[in-house]
Every structure is written in C-alpha cells, then in structure tokens.
Amino acid sequence: MTRHDGDRGLLAVAACVTAGVAALLVLPLVALVVRASPAALAARLVQPEVLAALQLSVTTSLLATALALMLGVPVAWLLATHRFRGQRALETLLDLPLVLPPTVAGLALLLAFGRMGLAGGALGAFGVTLPFTTAAVVLAQVFMALPFVIGPVRAGLFAVDPRLPEVARTLGASEWRVLRRVTLPLAAPALATGASMAFARSLGEFGATLTFAGNLPGVTQTMPLAVYVAMQTDLEAAVALALLLVVLSFGLLVALRALDPSRRSPRAPR
C-alpha cells in the first residue's frame, strides 16, 4: 500500500466520522423545526410571557457581558503580561466555572450571597438582597461567563507583538495609553470573541440561575427557564422558545466567525 492510499483511507475514515458527528448535531435541530408549525410558532412568540422571558434574557445577558468584560480584561492582561507566584493556582481557579456543574455554582452563590451566607449579612446591613432577584440572574451569568472572556482575551493579548507597545513607551506613552491605544486595538478580535462567547454563555445559563435566582416570571425567568417550565405544561411553547434560542445562538456563532478571522476555516493544502 502506497502512502497516497493510506492518506485516502485516513481521509475516508475522517469523513465518515465527521458525517456522523454532523448528523448527531443536526438531527435534534431538525426535530425541533419539524415539530413546530410556522403559524403556531408565530402565535407563541408574541405571547406576553415569552416576550418577557426574551427581554429579560437579552437584558441580563448584555449586562453580564459588559461586567464580564470589565472584570475579565484586566485579569487577562495581568496573566498575559506578567509572571508571578501562585499564577497556576489562579488560572485553575478562573477556569473552574468551565467544569463546575451549574447547579453547584448556583448553590455556592446562594451560600455566599444569600441572607445567611458569608457575604449576605454584610450586604443585608446595607439593604441589599441578591437571591431571587434580577441582579442574582446577572451575577450567576457573570460567574459562569468570566472564563469565556478571560481565555480568549488573554490569548489575544499574548499574541500582540511586544515590540509595538515598547515603541509606544519609548515615545513617551504611559502604560494606560499604551493599553488603550495600542494593545487593546490589536487584540480587538479576541475582545469580540470573548464578548460573543460570554453573551452566548449568559443567554443559555440555566442551572446556576435556577438555584440562585429562582424561576419568577418577569423577574428571574430567562428563556432557558421558560423552556423548562413550558415543557411540563405546553410543549408547543417550549418548542417555540427553544427554536428562538437556537436562532439566536446560531446568529452569535456566525457573527463570531465574521468578527474573528482566526476562527475561519483555513484553506486546505493542495
């Protein structure tokens, strides 16, 4: 058997596996589309409870994304530009929400910021109550979305040619000005990636939100929670909500690939 024959065999195996994976991903989406009729879908999507869940999801996800960027970018800059004792432990801690079950994250947030939690008493002294409020939804989303900002932004900042900020420093620019005018613009695709991924993660957050913020219509009931409730009483409404989430998620992925050239498929070698 020649090397060319071996390459063709490997290509055939990879193509078969790829087709199977594509079928595994596409079949459930097709099932959603087939189940929903256009007329029923349009009727469900204009119901007040659906619109309220959609508005709450988009609003809280935007707020969570903005907060995740505000908190995550300085952390990513520190990790990308400095080395210090305990960095490995910090990186592990920052990645923990990626592998932590969302329900466990919600319980941890409740025990930390609930009325009887570690920080709940101090917050209560100032009249601040977080659990089962819209603010709790945002906090849960930020907790789960932070790694999706820190990871890409850190990689983008690390990839910036260090000679360019150094040139700006030699011209008298301060560190803040170098960061604002040189480093961050060069890492703009990574920032867009982090923001898109954080928004998508926030939009799909379920377990931590349910445990920490509850499922109060108009207050904490986001789209994923509305799907969960509708599945028990109105399957058609659940399908409509699920399809809307699929469309939003797909649109985010398309925008992500358009904003970040590094995520576009490379050309195959000839």
C-alpha atoms as a PDB file:
ATOM      1  CA  MET A   1       0.000   0.000   0.000  1.00  0.00           C
ATOM      2  CA  THR A   2       1.388   3.367  -1.004  1.00  0.00           C
ATOM      3  CA  ARG A   3       1.409   6.475   1.138  1.00  0.00           C
ATOM      4  CA  HIS A   4      -1.227   8.001  -1.129  1.00  0.00           C
ATOM      5  CA  ASP A   5      -3.544   5.054  -0.492  1.00  0.00           C
ATOM      6  CA  GLY A   6      -3.007   5.445   3.253  1.00  0.00           C
ATOM      7  CA  ASP A   7      -3.886   9.125   3.066  1.00  0.00           C
ATOM      8  CA  ARG A   8      -7.091   8.324   1.173  1.00  0.00           C
ATOM      9  CA  GLY A   9      -8.015   5.705   3.760  1.00  0.00           C
ATOM     10  CA  LEU A  10      -7.479   8.144   6.620  1.00  0.00           C
ATOM     11  CA  LEU A  11      -9.487  10.769   4.755  1.00  0.00           C
ATOM     12  CA  ALA A  12     -12.353   8.308   4.288  1.00  0.00           C
ATOM     13  CA  VAL A  13     -12.406   7.451   7.997  1.00  0.00           C
ATOM     14  CA  ALA A  14     -12.293  11.118   8.987  1.00  0.00           C
ATOM     15  CA  ALA A  15     -15.083  11.930   6.526  1.00  0.00           C
ATOM     16  CA  CYS A  16     -17.292   9.150   7.912  1.00  0.00           C
ATOM     17  CA  VAL A  17     -16.734  10.265  11.493  1.00  0.00           C
ATOM     18  CA  THR A  18     -17.408  13.886  10.517  1.00  0.00           C
ATOM     19  CA  ALA A  19     -20.655  12.871   8.819  1.00  0.00           C
ATOM     20  CA  GLY A  20     -21.709  11.007  11.959  1.00  0.00           C
ATOM     21  CA  VAL A  21     -20.902  13.963  14.199  1.00  0.00           C
ATOM     22  CA  ALA A  22     -22.779  16.319  11.873  1.00  0.00           C
ATOM     23  CA  ALA A  23     -25.797  14.013  11.934  1.00  0.00           C
ATOM     24  CA  LEU A  24     -25.661  13.868  15.744  1.00  0.00           C
ATOM     25  CA  LEU A  25     -25.738  17.672  15.914  1.00  0.00           C
ATOM     26  CA  VAL A  26     -28.206  18.313  13.114  1.00  0.00           C
ATOM     27  CA  LEU A  27     -30.833  15.662  13.896  1.00  0.00           C
ATOM     28  CA  PRO A  28     -32.063  17.239  17.171  1.00  0.00           C
ATOM     29  CA  LEU A  29     -32.282  20.646  15.474  1.00  0.00           C
ATOM     30  CA  VAL A  30     -34.258  19.161  12.600  1.00  0.00           C
ATOM     31  CA  ALA A  31     -36.591  17.541  15.135  1.00  0.00           C
ATOM     32  CA  LEU A  32     -37.286  20.968  16.632  1.00  0.00           C
ATOM     33  CA  VAL A  33     -38.007  22.509  13.233  1.00  0.00           C
ATOM     34  CA  VAL A  34     -40.260  19.645  12.141  1.00  0.00           C
ATOM     35  CA  ARG A  35     -42.241  19.741  15.370  1.00  0.00           C
ATOM     36  CA  ALA A  36     -43.114  23.440  15.142  1.00  0.00           C
ATOM     37  CA  SER A  37     -45.603  24.769  12.618  1.00  0.00           C
ATOM     38  CA  PRO A  38     -44.990  28.331  11.381  1.00  0.00           C
ATOM     39  CA  ALA A  39     -48.427  29.534  12.478  1.00  0.00           C
ATOM     40  CA  ALA A  40     -48.112  28.099  15.984  1.00  0.00           C
ATOM     41  CA  LEU A  41     -44.559  29.396  16.238  1.00  0.00           C
ATOM     42  CA  ALA A  42     -45.596  32.944  15.337  1.00  0.00           C
ATOM     43  CA  ALA A  43     -48.501  32.823  17.788  1.00  0.00           C
ATOM     44  CA  ARG A  44     -46.338  31.593  20.649  1.00  0.00           C
ATOM     45  CA  LEU A  45     -43.558  34.103  20.128  1.00  0.00           C
ATOM     46  CA  VAL A  46     -45.864  37.088  20.648  1.00  0.00           C
ATOM     47  CA  GLN A  47     -47.279  35.863  23.954  1.00  0.00           C
ATOM     48  CA  PRO A  48     -46.516  38.239  26.847  1.00  0.00           C
ATOM     49  CA  GLU A  49     -44.718  35.620  28.945  1.00  0.00           C
ATOM     50  CA  VAL A  50     -42.480  34.679  26.010  1.00  0.00           C
ATOM     51  CA  LEU A  51     -41.647  38.299  25.254  1.00  0.00           C
ATOM     52  CA  ALA A  52     -40.947  38.937  28.945  1.00  0.00           C
ATOM     53  CA  ALA A  53     -38.558  35.974  29.125  1.00  0.00           C
ATOM     54  CA  LEU A  54     -36.847  37.076  25.916  1.00  0.00           C
ATOM     55  CA  GLN A  55     -36.449  40.670  27.100  1.00  0.00           C
ATOM     56  CA  LEU A  56     -35.107  39.552  30.477  1.00  0.00           C
ATOM     57  CA  SER A  57     -32.646  37.109  28.869  1.00  0.00           C
ATOM     58  CA  VAL A  58     -31.261  39.647  26.417  1.00  0.00           C
ATOM     59  CA  THR A  59     -31.060  42.434  29.017  1.00  0.00           C
ATOM     60  CA  THR A  60     -29.348  40.365  31.687  1.00  0.00           C
ATOM     61  CA  SER A  61     -27.011  38.749  29.154  1.00  0.00           C
ATOM     62  CA  LEU A  62     -25.915  42.153  27.866  1.00  0.00           C
ATOM     63  CA  LEU A  63     -25.304  43.394  31.419  1.00  0.00           C
ATOM     64  CA  ALA A  64     -23.440  40.205  32.315  1.00  0.00           C
ATOM     65  CA  THR A  65     -21.300  40.500  29.176  1.00  0.00           C
ATOM     66  CA  ALA A  66     -20.399  44.098  29.972  1.00  0.00           C
ATOM     67  CA  LEU A  67     -19.488  43.188  33.558  1.00  0.00           C
ATOM     68  CA  ALA A  68     -17.526  40.138  32.433  1.00  0.00           C
ATOM     69  CA  LEU A  69     -15.516  42.348  30.075  1.00  0.00           C
ATOM     70  CA  MET A  70     -14.895  44.957  32.770  1.00  0.00           C
ATOM     71  CA  LEU A  71     -13.682  42.291  35.187  1.00  0.00           C
ATOM     72  CA  GLY A  72     -12.093  39.875  32.748  1.00  0.00           C
ATOM     73  CA  VAL A  73      -9.943  42.170  30.604  1.00  0.00           C
ATOM     74  CA  PRO A  74      -7.708  43.390  33.485  1.00  0.00           C
ATOM     75  CA  VAL A  75      -7.282  39.794  34.680  1.00  0.00           C
ATOM     76  CA  ALA A  76      -6.439  38.633  31.156  1.00  0.00           C
ATOM     77  CA  TRP A  77      -3.916  41.469  30.764  1.00  0.00           C
ATOM     78  CA  LEU A  78      -2.234  40.541  34.046  1.00  0.00           C
ATOM     79  CA  LEU A  79      -1.981  36.864  33.098  1.00  0.00           C
ATOM     80  CA  ALA A  80      -0.735  37.648  29.590  1.00  0.00           C
ATOM     81  CA  THR A  81       1.941  40.171  30.516  1.00  0.00           C
ATOM     82  CA  HIS A  82       3.249  39.113  33.927  1.00  0.00           C
ATOM     83  CA  ARG A  83       4.527  36.036  35.716  1.00  0.00           C
ATOM     84  CA  PHE A  84       4.067  35.752  39.470  1.00  0.00           C
ATOM     85  CA  ARG A  85       3.927  33.229  42.268  1.00  0.00           C
ATOM     86  CA  GLY A  86       0.603  31.443  42.504  1.00  0.00           C
ATOM     87  CA  GLN A  87      -0.305  32.098  38.857  1.00  0.00           C
ATOM     88  CA  ARG A  88      -1.055  28.443  38.127  1.00  0.00           C
ATOM     89  CA  ALA A  89      -3.424  28.286  41.098  1.00  0.00           C
ATOM     90  CA  LEU A  90      -5.143  31.487  39.969  1.00  0.00           C
ATOM     91  CA  GLU A  91      -5.540  30.181  36.415  1.00  0.00           C
ATOM     92  CA  THR A  92      -7.071  26.974  37.743  1.00  0.00           C
ATOM     93  CA  LEU A  93      -9.492  28.960  39.889  1.00  0.00           C
ATOM     94  CA  LEU A  94     -10.509  31.149  36.949  1.00  0.00           C
ATOM     95  CA  ASP A  95     -11.198  28.082  34.802  1.00  0.00           C
ATOM     96  CA  LEU A  96     -13.264  26.371  37.493  1.00  0.00           C
ATOM     97  CA  PRO A  97     -16.668  27.611  36.214  1.00  0.00           C
ATOM     98  CA  LEU A  98     -15.944  25.809  32.934  1.00  0.00           C
ATOM     99  CA  VAL A  99     -16.086  22.395  34.625  1.00  0.00           C
ATOM    100  CA  LEU A 100     -18.215  23.185  37.684  1.00  0.00           C
ATOM    101  CA  PRO A 101     -21.806  21.868  37.395  1.00  0.00           C
ATOM    102  CA  PRO A 102     -24.026  24.960  37.063  1.00  0.00           C
ATOM    103  CA  THR A 103     -26.305  23.776  39.857  1.00  0.00           C
ATOM    104  CA  VAL A 104     -23.302  23.551  42.182  1.00  0.00           C
ATOM    105  CA  ALA A 105     -22.270  27.057  41.117  1.00  0.00           C
ATOM    106  CA  GLY A 106     -25.751  28.340  41.932  1.00  0.00           C
ATOM    107  CA  LEU A 107     -25.714  26.677  45.337  1.00  0.00           C
ATOM    108  CA  ALA A 108     -22.271  28.150  46.065  1.00  0.00           C
ATOM    109  CA  LEU A 109     -23.518  31.610  45.098  1.00  0.00           C
ATOM    110  CA  LEU A 110     -26.559  31.169  47.327  1.00  0.00           C
ATOM    111  CA  LEU A 111     -24.401  30.150  50.299  1.00  0.00           C
ATOM    112  CA  ALA A 112     -22.086  33.096  49.645  1.00  0.00           C
ATOM    113  CA  PHE A 113     -24.582  35.875  48.928  1.00  0.00           C
ATOM    114  CA  GLY A 114     -27.803  34.589  50.495  1.00  0.00           C
ATOM    115  CA  ARG A 115     -29.240  36.235  53.592  1.00  0.00           C
ATOM    116  CA  MET A 116     -27.400  33.773  55.828  1.00  0.00           C
ATOM    117  CA  GLY A 117     -24.387  33.494  53.517  1.00  0.00           C
ATOM    118  CA  LEU A 118     -20.801  34.545  54.070  1.00  0.00           C
ATOM    119  CA  ALA A 119     -21.347  37.939  52.459  1.00  0.00           C
ATOM    120  CA  GLY A 120     -25.134  38.042  52.718  1.00  0.00           C
ATOM    121  CA  GLY A 121     -25.155  39.533  56.207  1.00  0.00           C
ATOM    122  CA  ALA A 122     -22.899  42.400  55.207  1.00  0.00           C
ATOM    123  CA  LEU A 123     -24.990  43.085  52.112  1.00  0.00           C
ATOM    124  CA  GLY A 124     -28.178  42.934  54.164  1.00  0.00           C
ATOM    125  CA  ALA A 125     -26.828  45.605  56.506  1.00  0.00           C
ATOM    126  CA  PHE A 126     -26.865  47.972  53.523  1.00  0.00           C
ATOM    127  CA  GLY A 127     -30.317  46.829  52.453  1.00  0.00           C
ATOM    128  CA  VAL A 128     -29.031  44.726  49.555  1.00  0.00           C
ATOM    129  CA  THR A 129     -30.687  41.376  48.872  1.00  0.00           C
ATOM    130  CA  LEU A 130     -29.428  39.365  45.923  1.00  0.00           C
ATOM    131  CA  PRO A 131     -31.085  35.910  45.826  1.00  0.00           C
ATOM    132  CA  PHE A 132     -34.237  35.589  43.720  1.00  0.00           C
ATOM    133  CA  THR A 133     -33.789  38.978  42.076  1.00  0.00           C
ATOM    134  CA  THR A 134     -32.814  40.087  38.585  1.00  0.00           C
ATOM    135  CA  ALA A 135     -29.417  41.071  39.977  1.00  0.00           C
ATOM    136  CA  ALA A 136     -28.934  37.438  41.009  1.00  0.00           C
ATOM    137  CA  VAL A 137     -29.520  36.397  37.402  1.00  0.00           C
ATOM    138  CA  VAL A 138     -26.792  38.770  36.238  1.00  0.00           C
ATOM    139  CA  LEU A 139     -24.385  37.634  38.958  1.00  0.00           C
ATOM    140  CA  ALA A 140     -24.924  33.968  38.084  1.00  0.00           C
ATOM    141  CA  GLN A 141     -24.334  34.725  34.407  1.00  0.00           C
ATOM    142  CA  VAL A 142     -21.162  36.679  35.150  1.00  0.00           C
ATOM    143  CA  PHE A 143     -19.859  33.851  37.344  1.00  0.00           C
ATOM    144  CA  MET A 144     -20.339  31.304  34.563  1.00  0.00           C
ATOM    145  CA  ALA A 145     -19.241  33.577  31.683  1.00  0.00           C
ATOM    146  CA  LEU A 146     -15.993  35.028  33.058  1.00  0.00           C
ATOM    147  CA  PRO A 147     -13.738  32.192  31.782  1.00  0.00           C
ATOM    148  CA  PHE A 148     -15.136  32.715  28.293  1.00  0.00           C
ATOM    149  CA  VAL A 149     -13.822  36.286  28.380  1.00  0.00           C
ATOM    150  CA  ILE A 150     -10.530  35.736  30.169  1.00  0.00           C
ATOM    151  CA  GLY A 151      -9.353  32.841  27.986  1.00  0.00           C
ATOM    152  CA  PRO A 152      -9.701  34.405  24.504  1.00  0.00           C
ATOM    153  CA  VAL A 153      -8.647  37.894  25.642  1.00  0.00           C
ATOM    154  CA  ARG A 154      -5.555  36.536  27.364  1.00  0.00           C
ATOM    155  CA  ALA A 155      -4.604  34.639  24.202  1.00  0.00           C
ATOM    156  CA  GLY A 156      -5.192  37.741  22.090  1.00  0.00           C
ATOM    157  CA  LEU A 157      -3.103  39.970  24.342  1.00  0.00           C
ATOM    158  CA  PHE A 158      -0.330  37.380  24.494  1.00  0.00           C
ATOM    159  CA  ALA A 159      -0.239  37.291  20.675  1.00  0.00           C
ATOM    160  CA  VAL A 160       0.357  41.048  20.375  1.00  0.00           C
ATOM    161  CA  ASP A 161       3.864  41.748  19.135  1.00  0.00           C
ATOM    162  CA  PRO A 162       5.664  43.082  22.262  1.00  0.00           C
ATOM    163  CA  ARG A 163       7.758  45.414  20.093  1.00  0.00           C
ATOM    164  CA  LEU A 164       4.735  47.565  19.257  1.00  0.00           C
ATOM    165  CA  PRO A 165       3.845  48.543  22.863  1.00  0.00           C
ATOM    166  CA  GLU A 166       7.560  49.015  23.535  1.00  0.00           C
ATOM    167  CA  VAL A 167       7.823  51.509  20.676  1.00  0.00           C
ATOM    168  CA  ALA A 168       4.896  53.436  22.133  1.00  0.00           C
ATOM    169  CA  ARG A 169       6.620  53.539  25.527  1.00  0.00           C
ATOM    170  CA  THR A 170       9.826  54.880  24.011  1.00  0.00           C
ATOM    171  CA  LEU A 171       7.759  57.690  22.502  1.00  0.00           C
ATOM    172  CA  GLY A 172       6.601  58.684  25.974  1.00  0.00           C
ATOM    173  CA  ALA A 173       3.227  56.951  26.162  1.00  0.00           C
ATOM    174  CA  SER A 174       2.078  55.895  29.622  1.00  0.00           C
ATOM    175  CA  GLU A 175       1.062  52.307  30.370  1.00  0.00           C
ATOM    176  CA  TRP A 176      -2.626  53.282  30.302  1.00  0.00           C
ATOM    177  CA  ARG A 177      -2.222  54.968  26.935  1.00  0.00           C
ATOM    178  CA  VAL A 178      -0.289  52.008  25.538  1.00  0.00           C
ATOM    179  CA  LEU A 179      -3.034  49.681  26.686  1.00  0.00           C
ATOM    180  CA  ARG A 180      -5.849  51.840  25.301  1.00  0.00           C
ATOM    181  CA  ARG A 181      -4.286  52.948  22.043  1.00  0.00           C
ATOM    182  CA  VAL A 182      -2.029  50.036  21.085  1.00  0.00           C
ATOM    183  CA  THR A 183      -2.563  46.761  22.933  1.00  0.00           C
ATOM    184  CA  LEU A 184      -6.343  46.578  23.123  1.00  0.00           C
ATOM    185  CA  PRO A 185      -6.951  47.669  19.498  1.00  0.00           C
ATOM    186  CA  LEU A 186      -4.533  44.993  18.315  1.00  0.00           C
ATOM    187  CA  ALA A 187      -6.394  42.435  20.429  1.00  0.00           C
ATOM    188  CA  ALA A 188      -9.827  43.634  19.262  1.00  0.00           C
ATOM    189  CA  PRO A 189     -10.749  40.312  17.567  1.00  0.00           C
ATOM    190  CA  ALA A 190     -10.054  38.487  20.823  1.00  0.00           C
ATOM    191  CA  LEU A 191     -12.188  41.003  22.714  1.00  0.00           C
ATOM    192  CA  ALA A 192     -15.037  40.460  20.249  1.00  0.00           C
ATOM    193  CA  THR A 193     -14.658  36.715  20.619  1.00  0.00           C
ATOM    194  CA  GLY A 194     -14.733  36.906  24.409  1.00  0.00           C
ATOM    195  CA  ALA A 195     -17.759  39.194  24.387  1.00  0.00           C
ATOM    196  CA  SER A 196     -19.668  36.960  21.955  1.00  0.00           C
ATOM    197  CA  MET A 197     -18.887  33.805  23.901  1.00  0.00           C
ATOM    198  CA  ALA A 198     -19.794  35.450  27.209  1.00  0.00           C
ATOM    199  CA  PHE A 199     -23.113  36.646  25.794  1.00  0.00           C
ATOM    200  CA  ALA A 200     -23.892  33.204  24.396  1.00  0.00           C
ATOM    201  CA  ARG A 201     -22.994  31.527  27.687  1.00  0.00           C
ATOM    202  CA  SER A 202     -25.114  34.013  29.622  1.00  0.00           C
ATOM    203  CA  LEU A 203     -28.044  33.587  27.266  1.00  0.00           C
ATOM    204  CA  GLY A 204     -28.007  29.818  27.763  1.00  0.00           C
ATOM    205  CA  GLU A 205     -27.380  29.796  31.515  1.00  0.00           C
ATOM    206  CA  PHE A 206     -29.842  27.577  33.385  1.00  0.00           C
ATOM    207  CA  GLY A 207     -28.645  25.678  36.456  1.00  0.00           C
ATOM    208  CA  ALA A 208     -26.911  28.458  38.373  1.00  0.00           C
ATOM    209  CA  THR A 209     -29.753  30.863  37.610  1.00  0.00           C
ATOM    210  CA  LEU A 210     -32.432  28.440  38.767  1.00  0.00           C
ATOM    211  CA  THR A 211     -30.633  27.649  42.023  1.00  0.00           C
ATOM    212  CA  PHE A 212     -29.533  31.171  42.936  1.00  0.00           C
ATOM    213  CA  ALA A 213     -32.186  33.393  41.357  1.00  0.00           C
ATOM    214  CA  GLY A 214     -35.204  31.118  41.179  1.00  0.00           C
ATOM    215  CA  ASN A 215     -37.821  30.999  38.440  1.00  0.00           C
ATOM    216  CA  LEU A 216     -40.020  34.051  38.906  1.00  0.00           C
ATOM    217  CA  PRO A 217     -41.824  35.156  35.692  1.00  0.00           C
ATOM    218  CA  GLY A 218     -40.828  38.658  34.699  1.00  0.00           C
ATOM    219  CA  VAL A 219     -38.134  38.821  37.393  1.00  0.00           C
ATOM    220  CA  THR A 220     -35.758  35.866  37.046  1.00  0.00           C
ATOM    221  CA  GLN A 221     -37.375  33.595  34.445  1.00  0.00           C
ATOM    222  CA  THR A 222     -34.979  33.683  31.499  1.00  0.00           C
ATOM    223  CA  MET A 223     -35.503  31.861  28.200  1.00  0.00           C
ATOM    224  CA  PRO A 224     -33.920  28.539  29.266  1.00  0.00           C
ATOM    225  CA  LEU A 225     -36.060  28.529  32.415  1.00  0.00           C
ATOM    226  CA  ALA A 226     -39.151  29.336  30.369  1.00  0.00           C
ATOM    227  CA  VAL A 227     -38.377  26.362  28.102  1.00  0.00           C
ATOM    228  CA  TYR A 228     -38.073  24.125  31.164  1.00  0.00           C
ATOM    229  CA  VAL A 229     -41.425  25.267  32.569  1.00  0.00           C
ATOM    230  CA  ALA A 230     -43.190  25.097  29.203  1.00  0.00           C
ATOM    231  CA  MET A 231     -42.051  21.505  28.661  1.00  0.00           C
ATOM    232  CA  GLN A 232     -44.202  20.475  31.612  1.00  0.00           C
ATOM    233  CA  THR A 233     -47.379  22.236  30.516  1.00  0.00           C
ATOM    234  CA  ASP A 234     -47.182  23.371  26.879  1.00  0.00           C
ATOM    235  CA  LEU A 235     -44.814  21.522  24.574  1.00  0.00           C
ATOM    236  CA  GLU A 236     -45.563  23.785  21.605  1.00  0.00           C
ATOM    237  CA  ALA A 237     -44.486  26.832  23.595  1.00  0.00           C
ATOM    238  CA  ALA A 238     -41.323  25.009  24.681  1.00  0.00           C
ATOM    239  CA  VAL A 239     -40.503  24.216  21.041  1.00  0.00           C
ATOM    240  CA  ALA A 240     -41.052  27.844  20.024  1.00  0.00           C
ATOM    241  CA  LEU A 241     -38.793  29.129  22.787  1.00  0.00           C
ATOM    242  CA  ALA A 242     -36.157  26.523  22.017  1.00  0.00           C
ATOM    243  CA  LEU A 243     -36.147  27.424  18.330  1.00  0.00           C
ATOM    244  CA  LEU A 244     -35.743  31.086  19.188  1.00  0.00           C
ATOM    245  CA  LEU A 245     -32.724  30.251  21.342  1.00  0.00           C
ATOM    246  CA  VAL A 246     -31.268  28.135  18.532  1.00  0.00           C
ATOM    247  CA  VAL A 247     -31.639  31.029  16.081  1.00  0.00           C
ATOM    248  CA  LEU A 248     -30.015  33.481  18.498  1.00  0.00           C
ATOM    249  CA  SER A 249     -27.150  31.078  19.226  1.00  0.00           C
ATOM    250  CA  PHE A 250     -26.567  30.360  15.556  1.00  0.00           C
ATOM    251  CA  GLY A 251     -26.558  34.075  14.782  1.00  0.00           C
ATOM    252  CA  LEU A 252     -23.970  34.655  17.503  1.00  0.00           C
ATOM    253  CA  LEU A 253     -21.718  31.964  16.068  1.00  0.00           C
ATOM    254  CA  VAL A 254     -21.980  33.437  12.580  1.00  0.00           C
ATOM    255  CA  ALA A 255     -21.130  36.899  13.940  1.00  0.00           C
ATOM    256  CA  LEU A 256     -18.248  35.422  15.928  1.00  0.00           C
ATOM    257  CA  ARG A 257     -16.688  33.887  12.839  1.00  0.00           C
ATOM    258  CA  ALA A 258     -17.173  37.116  10.903  1.00  0.00           C
ATOM    259  CA  LEU A 259     -15.508  39.212  13.611  1.00  0.00           C
ATOM    260  CA  ASP A 260     -12.586  36.863  14.300  1.00  0.00           C
ATOM    261  CA  PRO A 261     -10.664  35.867  11.158  1.00  0.00           C
ATOM    262  CA  SER A 262      -8.703  33.255  13.116  1.00  0.00           C
ATOM    263  CA  ARG A 263     -11.891  31.220  13.521  1.00  0.00           C
ATOM    264  CA  ARG A 264     -12.497  30.953   9.800  1.00  0.00           C
ATOM    265  CA  SER A 265     -11.717  27.653   8.184  1.00  0.00           C
ATOM    266  CA  PRO A 266      -8.199  27.635   6.705  1.00  0.00           C
ATOM    267  CA  ARG A 267      -7.679  26.724   3.101  1.00  0.00           C
ATOM    268  CA  ALA A 268      -6.879  23.100   2.530  1.00  0.00           C
ATOM    269  CA  PRO A 269      -3.386  22.408   1.223  1.00  0.00           C
ATOM    270  CA  ARG A 270      -3.126  21.463  -2.403  1.00  0.00           C
END
